[in-house]
Amino acid sequence: MSRAIPPRQPVGDPFTGALLRVGYVYLLAASLSSEVEPVFSGQLTVRYGLRYLGKPFLAVVPALVALDYGDFLTGDAAWEFLTKRSNLYPRSDVIGYRHDGTDEMIPVKQLDLAIPPMALAYSDAESALPLAEVTGLVGAEEAFPARLCAFLARYDTLADFWAAQQPSNPDADAG
């Protein structure tokens, strides 16, 4: 008896705000800033890429998990399995899109689930190619999806972000 393979459904969270490029990094902001021109503003989709073991600069956004005993998982059920129970089934396969939009299929055992996932901003829920990898959040915590806040640093204002980027001066503390 064959099972029907469900359509891909990558886990993602909607976000309304702005994608900002600040230096070499991209930030999601809850509101527009007069200091920085947004790369994109409006409704975005944030997805999460699981990083490759030994190659953390590569990531796959899970859209379908094929369990080694024949079942399939998509969406939040796939995310929950991958982040909480995938060590029980290391031969399961993750089907989705890499962080560069390329189709990918990779065994769970080749993913590094001990490091935080890559947060990726997409212009819409259907896109496979992200606009950018997001490395921080600017705004009140309640403005962002809870899953996203668990992985990224959050700053109340853009000035707080800039202050956090300045190296501390140990001589100034000495006195």
N, C-alpha and C. Protein backbone atom coordinates (compact mmCIF):
# COMPACT_ATOMS: atom_id res chain seq x y z
N MET A 1 0.84 -1.18 0.00
CA MET A 1 0.00 0.00 0.00
C MET A 1 0.89 1.24 0.00
N SER A 2 0.70 2.12 -0.95
CA SER A 2 1.52 3.33 -1.01
C SER A 2 0.77 4.49 -0.36
N ARG A 3 1.54 5.39 0.22
CA ARG A 3 0.96 6.58 0.86
C ARG A 3 1.14 7.76 -0.09
N ALA A 4 0.18 8.64 -0.08
CA ALA A 4 0.29 9.85 -0.89
C ALA A 4 1.26 10.80 -0.20
N ILE A 5 2.16 11.35 -0.98
CA ILE A 5 3.11 12.32 -0.43
C ILE A 5 2.40 13.67 -0.36
N PRO A 6 2.35 14.27 0.84
CA PRO A 6 1.66 15.56 0.95
C PRO A 6 2.46 16.67 0.28
N PRO A 7 1.80 17.77 -0.07
CA PRO A 7 2.53 18.89 -0.66
C PRO A 7 3.45 19.53 0.38
N ARG A 8 4.51 20.14 -0.11
CA ARG A 8 5.45 20.83 0.79
C ARG A 8 4.73 21.97 1.51
N GLN A 9 5.05 22.10 2.78
CA GLN A 9 4.52 23.21 3.57
C GLN A 9 5.61 23.65 4.54
N PRO A 10 6.46 24.59 4.13
CA PRO A 10 7.52 25.04 5.03
C PRO A 10 6.95 25.80 6.22
N VAL A 11 7.57 25.59 7.36
CA VAL A 11 7.13 26.33 8.55
C VAL A 11 7.56 27.78 8.39
N GLY A 12 6.68 28.67 8.72
CA GLY A 12 6.99 30.08 8.60
C GLY A 12 6.06 30.91 9.46
N ASP A 13 6.51 32.10 9.77
CA ASP A 13 5.72 33.01 10.57
C ASP A 13 5.53 34.31 9.80
N PRO A 14 4.30 34.83 9.76
CA PRO A 14 4.08 36.12 9.11
C PRO A 14 4.63 37.24 9.98
N PHE A 15 5.11 38.28 9.34
CA PHE A 15 5.63 39.44 10.06
C PHE A 15 5.33 40.68 9.23
N THR A 16 4.79 41.69 9.88
CA THR A 16 4.55 42.97 9.21
C THR A 16 5.51 43.99 9.80
N GLY A 17 6.31 44.57 8.94
CA GLY A 17 7.31 45.54 9.38
C GLY A 17 8.25 45.85 8.24
N ALA A 18 9.53 46.00 8.58
CA ALA A 18 10.52 46.38 7.57
C ALA A 18 11.76 45.51 7.69
N LEU A 19 12.37 45.25 6.55
CA LEU A 19 13.66 44.58 6.48
C LEU A 19 14.68 45.69 6.21
N LEU A 20 15.63 45.83 7.12
CA LEU A 20 16.64 46.89 7.02
C LEU A 20 18.01 46.29 6.79
N ARG A 21 18.80 46.96 5.96
CA ARG A 21 20.21 46.59 5.82
C ARG A 21 21.01 47.64 6.56
N VAL A 22 21.73 47.17 7.57
CA VAL A 22 22.55 48.06 8.40
C VAL A 22 23.97 47.54 8.33
N GLY A 23 24.81 48.22 7.57
CA GLY A 23 26.16 47.72 7.35
C GLY A 23 26.10 46.44 6.54
N TYR A 24 26.63 45.36 7.12
CA TYR A 24 26.64 44.07 6.43
C TYR A 24 25.59 43.11 6.94
N VAL A 25 24.70 43.58 7.80
CA VAL A 25 23.68 42.69 8.37
C VAL A 25 22.28 43.19 8.02
N TYR A 26 21.33 42.27 8.12
CA TYR A 26 19.93 42.59 7.89
C TYR A 26 19.18 42.44 9.20
N LEU A 27 18.31 43.40 9.46
CA LEU A 27 17.50 43.40 10.67
C LEU A 27 16.03 43.49 10.29
N LEU A 28 15.17 42.90 11.11
CA LEU A 28 13.74 43.12 10.97
C LEU A 28 13.35 44.19 11.97
N ALA A 29 12.60 45.17 11.52
CA ALA A 29 12.17 46.25 12.40
C ALA A 29 10.65 46.29 12.44
N ALA A 30 10.13 46.51 13.64
CA ALA A 30 8.68 46.57 13.82
C ALA A 30 8.08 47.79 13.15
N SER A 31 8.87 48.85 13.00
CA SER A 31 8.38 50.06 12.34
C SER A 31 9.50 50.66 11.50
N LEU A 32 9.13 51.51 10.58
CA LEU A 32 10.11 52.16 9.72
C LEU A 32 10.94 53.16 10.51
N SER A 33 12.18 53.31 10.08
CA SER A 33 13.09 54.25 10.73
C SER A 33 13.50 55.30 9.72
N SER A 34 13.63 56.54 10.19
CA SER A 34 14.09 57.60 9.29
C SER A 34 15.59 57.51 9.06
N GLU A 35 16.28 56.70 9.89
CA GLU A 35 17.74 56.58 9.80
C GLU A 35 18.20 55.66 8.66
N VAL A 36 17.37 54.66 8.35
CA VAL A 36 17.77 53.64 7.38
C VAL A 36 16.63 53.41 6.39
N GLU A 37 16.97 53.40 5.11
CA GLU A 37 15.99 53.11 4.06
C GLU A 37 15.71 51.60 4.07
N PRO A 38 14.44 51.19 4.12
CA PRO A 38 14.15 49.74 4.16
C PRO A 38 14.46 49.06 2.83
N VAL A 39 14.90 47.83 2.90
CA VAL A 39 15.08 46.99 1.73
C VAL A 39 13.70 46.54 1.25
N PHE A 40 12.82 46.28 2.23
CA PHE A 40 11.46 45.82 1.96
C PHE A 40 10.62 46.21 3.15
N SER A 41 9.38 46.62 2.90
CA SER A 41 8.48 46.89 4.01
C SER A 41 7.10 46.35 3.67
N GLY A 42 6.36 45.98 4.71
CA GLY A 42 5.04 45.40 4.54
C GLY A 42 4.99 44.01 5.12
N GLN A 43 4.19 43.15 4.50
CA GLN A 43 4.01 41.78 4.97
C GLN A 43 5.15 40.90 4.48
N LEU A 44 5.87 40.29 5.41
CA LEU A 44 6.97 39.37 5.12
C LEU A 44 6.64 38.00 5.70
N THR A 45 7.33 36.99 5.23
CA THR A 45 7.26 35.66 5.84
C THR A 45 8.66 35.34 6.34
N VAL A 46 8.74 34.89 7.58
CA VAL A 46 10.02 34.49 8.16
C VAL A 46 10.03 32.97 8.25
N ARG A 47 11.07 32.38 7.70
CA ARG A 47 11.24 30.92 7.77
C ARG A 47 12.57 30.62 8.44
N TYR A 48 12.73 29.36 8.80
CA TYR A 48 13.89 28.97 9.61
C TYR A 48 14.64 27.85 8.91
N GLY A 49 15.93 28.07 8.70
CA GLY A 49 16.77 27.09 8.04
C GLY A 49 17.62 26.33 9.05
N LEU A 50 17.55 25.02 8.99
CA LEU A 50 18.37 24.18 9.86
C LEU A 50 19.75 24.06 9.22
N ARG A 51 20.76 24.33 10.02
CA ARG A 51 22.14 24.39 9.51
C ARG A 51 22.74 23.00 9.33
N TYR A 52 23.64 22.92 8.35
CA TYR A 52 24.30 21.65 8.04
C TYR A 52 25.40 21.37 9.06
N LEU A 53 25.56 20.12 9.38
CA LEU A 53 26.61 19.68 10.28
C LEU A 53 27.97 19.95 9.62
N GLY A 54 28.81 20.70 10.29
CA GLY A 54 30.14 21.03 9.77
C GLY A 54 30.16 22.15 8.75
N LYS A 55 28.99 22.62 8.32
CA LYS A 55 28.90 23.71 7.33
C LYS A 55 27.77 24.65 7.76
N PRO A 56 27.94 25.37 8.88
CA PRO A 56 26.84 26.17 9.41
C PRO A 56 26.43 27.36 8.54
N PHE A 57 27.19 27.64 7.50
CA PHE A 57 26.82 28.71 6.56
C PHE A 57 25.80 28.22 5.55
N LEU A 58 25.50 26.91 5.54
CA LEU A 58 24.47 26.33 4.69
C LEU A 58 23.29 25.92 5.56
N ALA A 59 22.08 26.05 5.03
CA ALA A 59 20.89 25.68 5.79
C ALA A 59 19.79 25.22 4.85
N VAL A 60 18.92 24.37 5.36
CA VAL A 60 17.74 23.92 4.61
C VAL A 60 16.50 24.34 5.38
N VAL A 61 15.54 24.90 4.64
CA VAL A 61 14.24 25.26 5.21
C VAL A 61 13.34 24.04 5.01
N PRO A 62 13.00 23.35 6.10
CA PRO A 62 12.20 22.13 5.96
C PRO A 62 10.79 22.42 5.45
N ALA A 63 10.38 21.68 4.44
CA ALA A 63 9.03 21.81 3.91
C ALA A 63 8.28 20.49 4.00
N LEU A 64 9.04 19.38 4.09
CA LEU A 64 8.47 18.04 4.18
C LEU A 64 9.51 17.15 4.82
N VAL A 65 9.09 16.35 5.78
CA VAL A 65 9.99 15.38 6.40
C VAL A 65 9.46 14.00 6.08
N ALA A 66 10.32 13.18 5.47
CA ALA A 66 9.98 11.80 5.17
C ALA A 66 10.63 10.93 6.24
N LEU A 67 9.81 10.40 7.14
CA LEU A 67 10.33 9.59 8.23
C LEU A 67 10.79 8.24 7.70
N ASP A 68 11.78 7.67 8.35
CA ASP A 68 12.35 6.43 7.83
C ASP A 68 11.38 5.24 7.93
N TYR A 69 10.27 5.40 8.62
CA TYR A 69 9.28 4.31 8.68
C TYR A 69 8.08 4.57 7.77
N GLY A 70 8.17 5.62 6.92
CA GLY A 70 7.17 5.80 5.87
C GLY A 70 6.18 6.93 6.05
N ASP A 71 6.11 7.56 7.20
CA ASP A 71 5.20 8.68 7.39
C ASP A 71 5.81 9.98 6.88
N PHE A 72 4.97 11.00 6.71
CA PHE A 72 5.41 12.31 6.26
C PHE A 72 4.90 13.37 7.22
N LEU A 73 5.68 14.42 7.41
CA LEU A 73 5.29 15.54 8.24
C LEU A 73 5.55 16.84 7.47
N THR A 74 4.69 17.83 7.68
CA THR A 74 4.88 19.14 7.07
C THR A 74 4.59 20.22 8.11
N GLY A 75 4.93 21.45 7.79
CA GLY A 75 4.59 22.60 8.62
C GLY A 75 5.09 22.50 10.04
N ASP A 76 4.25 22.94 10.98
CA ASP A 76 4.63 22.96 12.39
C ASP A 76 4.91 21.56 12.93
N ALA A 77 4.21 20.54 12.45
CA ALA A 77 4.47 19.17 12.91
C ALA A 77 5.88 18.73 12.51
N ALA A 78 6.31 19.10 11.32
CA ALA A 78 7.67 18.77 10.88
C ALA A 78 8.70 19.52 11.72
N TRP A 79 8.44 20.81 11.98
CA TRP A 79 9.37 21.61 12.79
C TRP A 79 9.49 21.02 14.20
N GLU A 80 8.36 20.70 14.79
CA GLU A 80 8.34 20.13 16.14
C GLU A 80 9.13 18.82 16.17
N PHE A 81 8.92 17.96 15.18
CA PHE A 81 9.66 16.70 15.09
C PHE A 81 11.15 16.96 14.98
N LEU A 82 11.54 17.84 14.06
CA LEU A 82 12.96 18.09 13.81
C LEU A 82 13.67 18.67 15.03
N THR A 83 13.02 19.56 15.73
CA THR A 83 13.68 20.24 16.85
C THR A 83 13.55 19.50 18.18
N LYS A 84 12.63 18.54 18.27
CA LYS A 84 12.41 17.86 19.55
C LYS A 84 12.67 16.35 19.54
N ARG A 85 12.42 15.68 18.39
CA ARG A 85 12.48 14.22 18.41
C ARG A 85 13.24 13.58 17.25
N SER A 86 13.88 14.37 16.43
CA SER A 86 14.51 13.80 15.23
C SER A 86 15.68 12.88 15.55
N ASN A 87 16.26 13.01 16.75
CA ASN A 87 17.36 12.11 17.12
C ASN A 87 16.89 10.66 17.19
N LEU A 88 15.60 10.42 17.30
CA LEU A 88 15.07 9.05 17.33
C LEU A 88 15.04 8.43 15.94
N TYR A 89 15.04 9.26 14.90
CA TYR A 89 14.95 8.79 13.52
C TYR A 89 15.98 9.51 12.64
N PRO A 90 17.27 9.29 12.86
CA PRO A 90 18.31 10.05 12.15
C PRO A 90 18.38 9.78 10.65
N ARG A 91 17.75 8.69 10.19
CA ARG A 91 17.79 8.40 8.75
C ARG A 91 16.64 9.06 7.99
N SER A 92 15.79 9.76 8.70
CA SER A 92 14.69 10.49 8.04
C SER A 92 15.28 11.56 7.14
N ASP A 93 14.53 11.91 6.10
CA ASP A 93 15.00 12.92 5.14
C ASP A 93 14.20 14.21 5.27
N VAL A 94 14.91 15.32 5.11
CA VAL A 94 14.30 16.64 5.10
C VAL A 94 14.30 17.13 3.66
N ILE A 95 13.11 17.46 3.17
CA ILE A 95 12.97 17.98 1.82
C ILE A 95 12.53 19.44 1.96
N GLY A 96 13.19 20.31 1.23
CA GLY A 96 12.84 21.72 1.31
C GLY A 96 13.69 22.53 0.36
N TYR A 97 13.99 23.74 0.80
CA TYR A 97 14.80 24.66 0.00
C TYR A 97 15.99 25.11 0.83
N ARG A 98 17.14 25.14 0.19
CA ARG A 98 18.30 25.71 0.87
C ARG A 98 18.11 27.20 1.05
N HIS A 99 18.97 27.78 1.83
CA HIS A 99 18.91 29.22 2.09
C HIS A 99 19.11 30.05 0.82
N ASP A 100 19.58 29.43 -0.25
CA ASP A 100 19.76 30.14 -1.53
C ASP A 100 18.64 29.84 -2.53
N GLY A 101 17.58 29.15 -2.06
CA GLY A 101 16.42 28.87 -2.90
C GLY A 101 16.50 27.57 -3.69
N THR A 102 17.61 26.85 -3.60
CA THR A 102 17.79 25.60 -4.33
C THR A 102 17.03 24.46 -3.66
N ASP A 103 16.37 23.61 -4.47
CA ASP A 103 15.72 22.41 -3.93
C ASP A 103 16.76 21.56 -3.20
N GLU A 104 16.34 20.95 -2.09
CA GLU A 104 17.29 20.16 -1.31
C GLU A 104 16.59 18.99 -0.63
N MET A 105 17.33 17.90 -0.50
CA MET A 105 16.91 16.76 0.30
C MET A 105 18.14 16.30 1.06
N ILE A 106 18.04 16.23 2.38
CA ILE A 106 19.20 15.90 3.21
C ILE A 106 18.74 15.06 4.40
N PRO A 107 19.52 14.04 4.78
CA PRO A 107 19.17 13.25 5.96
C PRO A 107 19.28 14.09 7.24
N VAL A 108 18.41 13.82 8.19
CA VAL A 108 18.42 14.54 9.47
C VAL A 108 19.79 14.46 10.13
N LYS A 109 20.45 13.32 10.03
CA LYS A 109 21.74 13.14 10.71
C LYS A 109 22.83 14.07 10.16
N GLN A 110 22.59 14.73 9.03
CA GLN A 110 23.56 15.67 8.49
C GLN A 110 23.24 17.12 8.83
N LEU A 111 22.29 17.31 9.75
CA LEU A 111 21.93 18.65 10.21
C LEU A 111 22.46 18.87 11.62
N ASP A 112 22.86 20.09 11.92
CA ASP A 112 23.36 20.44 13.25
C ASP A 112 22.24 21.14 14.01
N LEU A 113 21.49 20.36 14.77
CA LEU A 113 20.33 20.89 15.48
C LEU A 113 20.71 21.51 16.82
N ALA A 114 22.00 21.52 17.14
CA ALA A 114 22.47 22.11 18.40
C ALA A 114 22.72 23.61 18.28
N ILE A 115 22.80 24.11 17.06
CA ILE A 115 23.02 25.55 16.89
C ILE A 115 21.72 26.19 16.39
N PRO A 116 21.54 27.47 16.70
CA PRO A 116 20.29 28.13 16.29
C PRO A 116 20.11 28.11 14.78
N PRO A 117 18.86 28.00 14.35
CA PRO A 117 18.60 28.00 12.91
C PRO A 117 18.86 29.37 12.29
N MET A 118 18.96 29.38 10.99
CA MET A 118 19.13 30.60 10.21
C MET A 118 17.73 31.20 10.02
N ALA A 119 17.56 32.46 10.35
CA ALA A 119 16.29 33.14 10.13
C ALA A 119 16.34 33.82 8.76
N LEU A 120 15.34 33.53 7.95
CA LEU A 120 15.32 34.03 6.58
C LEU A 120 14.02 34.80 6.32
N ALA A 121 14.14 35.96 5.69
CA ALA A 121 12.98 36.79 5.36
C ALA A 121 12.62 36.61 3.89
N TYR A 122 11.34 36.36 3.65
CA TYR A 122 10.81 36.15 2.30
C TYR A 122 9.77 37.22 1.99
N SER A 123 9.68 37.59 0.73
CA SER A 123 8.71 38.62 0.32
C SER A 123 7.28 38.12 0.38
N ASP A 124 7.07 36.80 0.28
CA ASP A 124 5.73 36.23 0.37
C ASP A 124 5.82 34.77 0.78
N ALA A 125 4.68 34.18 1.08
CA ALA A 125 4.64 32.81 1.58
C ALA A 125 4.94 31.76 0.51
N GLU A 126 4.89 32.11 -0.76
CA GLU A 126 5.14 31.14 -1.83
C GLU A 126 6.59 31.13 -2.31
N SER A 127 7.35 32.13 -2.00
CA SER A 127 8.71 32.26 -2.51
C SER A 127 9.65 31.21 -1.91
N ALA A 128 10.56 30.70 -2.73
CA ALA A 128 11.58 29.76 -2.27
C ALA A 128 12.92 30.47 -2.05
N LEU A 129 13.06 31.66 -2.62
CA LEU A 129 14.30 32.42 -2.51
C LEU A 129 14.12 33.56 -1.51
N PRO A 130 14.88 33.54 -0.41
CA PRO A 130 14.72 34.60 0.59
C PRO A 130 15.31 35.93 0.12
N LEU A 131 14.81 37.00 0.73
CA LEU A 131 15.38 38.32 0.50
C LEU A 131 16.72 38.45 1.21
N ALA A 132 16.80 37.88 2.43
CA ALA A 132 18.01 38.02 3.24
C ALA A 132 17.98 37.10 4.45
N GLU A 133 19.17 36.85 4.99
CA GLU A 133 19.29 36.21 6.29
C GLU A 133 19.21 37.32 7.34
N VAL A 134 18.34 37.16 8.29
CA VAL A 134 18.12 38.16 9.33
C VAL A 134 18.96 37.80 10.55
N THR A 135 19.66 38.81 11.10
CA THR A 135 20.52 38.54 12.26
C THR A 135 20.08 39.25 13.52
N GLY A 136 19.06 40.11 13.45
CA GLY A 136 18.60 40.80 14.64
C GLY A 136 17.23 41.43 14.44
N LEU A 137 16.63 41.85 15.57
CA LEU A 137 15.30 42.43 15.58
C LEU A 137 15.35 43.80 16.25
N VAL A 138 14.57 44.74 15.74
CA VAL A 138 14.50 46.07 16.33
C VAL A 138 13.04 46.40 16.59
N GLY A 139 12.70 46.53 17.87
CA GLY A 139 11.33 46.85 18.26
C GLY A 139 10.92 46.07 19.49
N ALA A 140 9.69 46.26 19.91
CA ALA A 140 9.16 45.58 21.09
C ALA A 140 9.01 44.08 20.82
N GLU A 141 9.26 43.28 21.83
CA GLU A 141 9.22 41.82 21.67
C GLU A 141 7.89 41.33 21.12
N GLU A 142 6.79 41.92 21.55
CA GLU A 142 5.47 41.45 21.11
C GLU A 142 5.20 41.73 19.63
N ALA A 143 6.03 42.52 18.98
CA ALA A 143 5.86 42.80 17.55
C ALA A 143 6.37 41.67 16.66
N PHE A 144 7.12 40.73 17.26
CA PHE A 144 7.76 39.66 16.49
C PHE A 144 7.19 38.29 16.85
N PRO A 145 7.24 37.35 15.91
CA PRO A 145 6.82 35.98 16.24
C PRO A 145 7.68 35.42 17.37
N ALA A 146 7.06 34.71 18.30
CA ALA A 146 7.77 34.16 19.46
C ALA A 146 8.91 33.24 19.04
N ARG A 147 8.69 32.44 18.01
CA ARG A 147 9.73 31.52 17.54
C ARG A 147 10.97 32.29 17.09
N LEU A 148 10.76 33.42 16.45
CA LEU A 148 11.87 34.25 15.97
C LEU A 148 12.63 34.87 17.14
N CYS A 149 11.92 35.33 18.14
CA CYS A 149 12.56 35.94 19.32
C CYS A 149 13.43 34.94 20.07
N ALA A 150 13.12 33.67 19.95
CA ALA A 150 13.91 32.64 20.65
C ALA A 150 15.30 32.48 20.03
N PHE A 151 15.49 32.91 18.78
CA PHE A 151 16.74 32.68 18.07
C PHE A 151 17.59 33.92 17.85
N LEU A 152 16.98 35.09 17.81
CA LEU A 152 17.72 36.29 17.43
C LEU A 152 17.78 37.32 18.55
N ALA A 153 18.84 38.10 18.54
CA ALA A 153 18.98 39.21 19.48
C ALA A 153 17.95 40.28 19.12
N ARG A 154 17.37 40.91 20.16
CA ARG A 154 16.38 41.95 19.94
C ARG A 154 16.85 43.23 20.62
N TYR A 155 16.63 44.33 19.92
CA TYR A 155 17.00 45.65 20.43
C TYR A 155 15.76 46.52 20.41
N ASP A 156 15.60 47.36 21.42
CA ASP A 156 14.43 48.24 21.48
C ASP A 156 14.45 49.28 20.37
N THR A 157 15.64 49.81 20.09
CA THR A 157 15.77 50.85 19.05
C THR A 157 16.99 50.56 18.19
N LEU A 158 17.08 51.24 17.07
CA LEU A 158 18.25 51.12 16.20
C LEU A 158 19.50 51.65 16.92
N ALA A 159 19.33 52.67 17.75
CA ALA A 159 20.45 53.19 18.54
C ALA A 159 20.99 52.12 19.50
N ASP A 160 20.09 51.32 20.07
CA ASP A 160 20.53 50.22 20.95
C ASP A 160 21.34 49.19 20.16
N PHE A 161 20.90 48.93 18.92
CA PHE A 161 21.66 48.00 18.06
C PHE A 161 23.06 48.55 17.82
N TRP A 162 23.14 49.83 17.45
CA TRP A 162 24.46 50.44 17.18
C TRP A 162 25.34 50.40 18.42
N ALA A 163 24.77 50.68 19.58
CA ALA A 163 25.54 50.67 20.83
C ALA A 163 26.08 49.27 21.13
N ALA A 164 25.30 48.25 20.83
CA ALA A 164 25.75 46.88 21.08
C ALA A 164 26.86 46.46 20.13
N GLN A 165 26.98 47.13 18.99
CA GLN A 165 28.02 46.79 18.01
C GLN A 165 29.36 47.42 18.34
N GLN A 166 29.37 48.43 19.21
CA GLN A 166 30.61 49.12 19.56
C GLN A 166 31.43 48.26 20.51
N PRO A 167 32.70 48.06 20.22
CA PRO A 167 33.52 47.27 21.14
C PRO A 167 33.70 48.02 22.45
N SER A 168 33.72 47.26 23.51
CA SER A 168 33.92 47.91 24.80
C SER A 168 35.39 48.30 24.94
N ASN A 169 35.64 49.35 25.69
CA ASN A 169 37.00 49.86 25.90
C ASN A 169 37.40 49.56 27.34
N PRO A 170 38.23 48.53 27.57
CA PRO A 170 38.58 48.17 28.94
C PRO A 170 39.34 49.27 29.66
N ASP A 171 40.07 50.14 28.91
CA ASP A 171 40.81 51.24 29.56
C ASP A 171 39.87 52.28 30.13
N ALA A 172 38.69 52.45 29.50
CA ALA A 172 37.72 53.43 30.01
C ALA A 172 37.15 52.99 31.35
N ASP A 173 37.02 51.67 31.55
CA ASP A 173 36.49 51.16 32.80
C ASP A 173 37.51 51.28 33.94
N ALA A 174 38.80 51.28 33.60
CA ALA A 174 39.84 51.31 34.62
C ALA A 174 39.98 52.68 35.26
N GLY A 175 39.52 53.69 34.58
CA GLY A 175 39.51 54.88 35.12
C GLY A 175 39.92 56.13 35.26
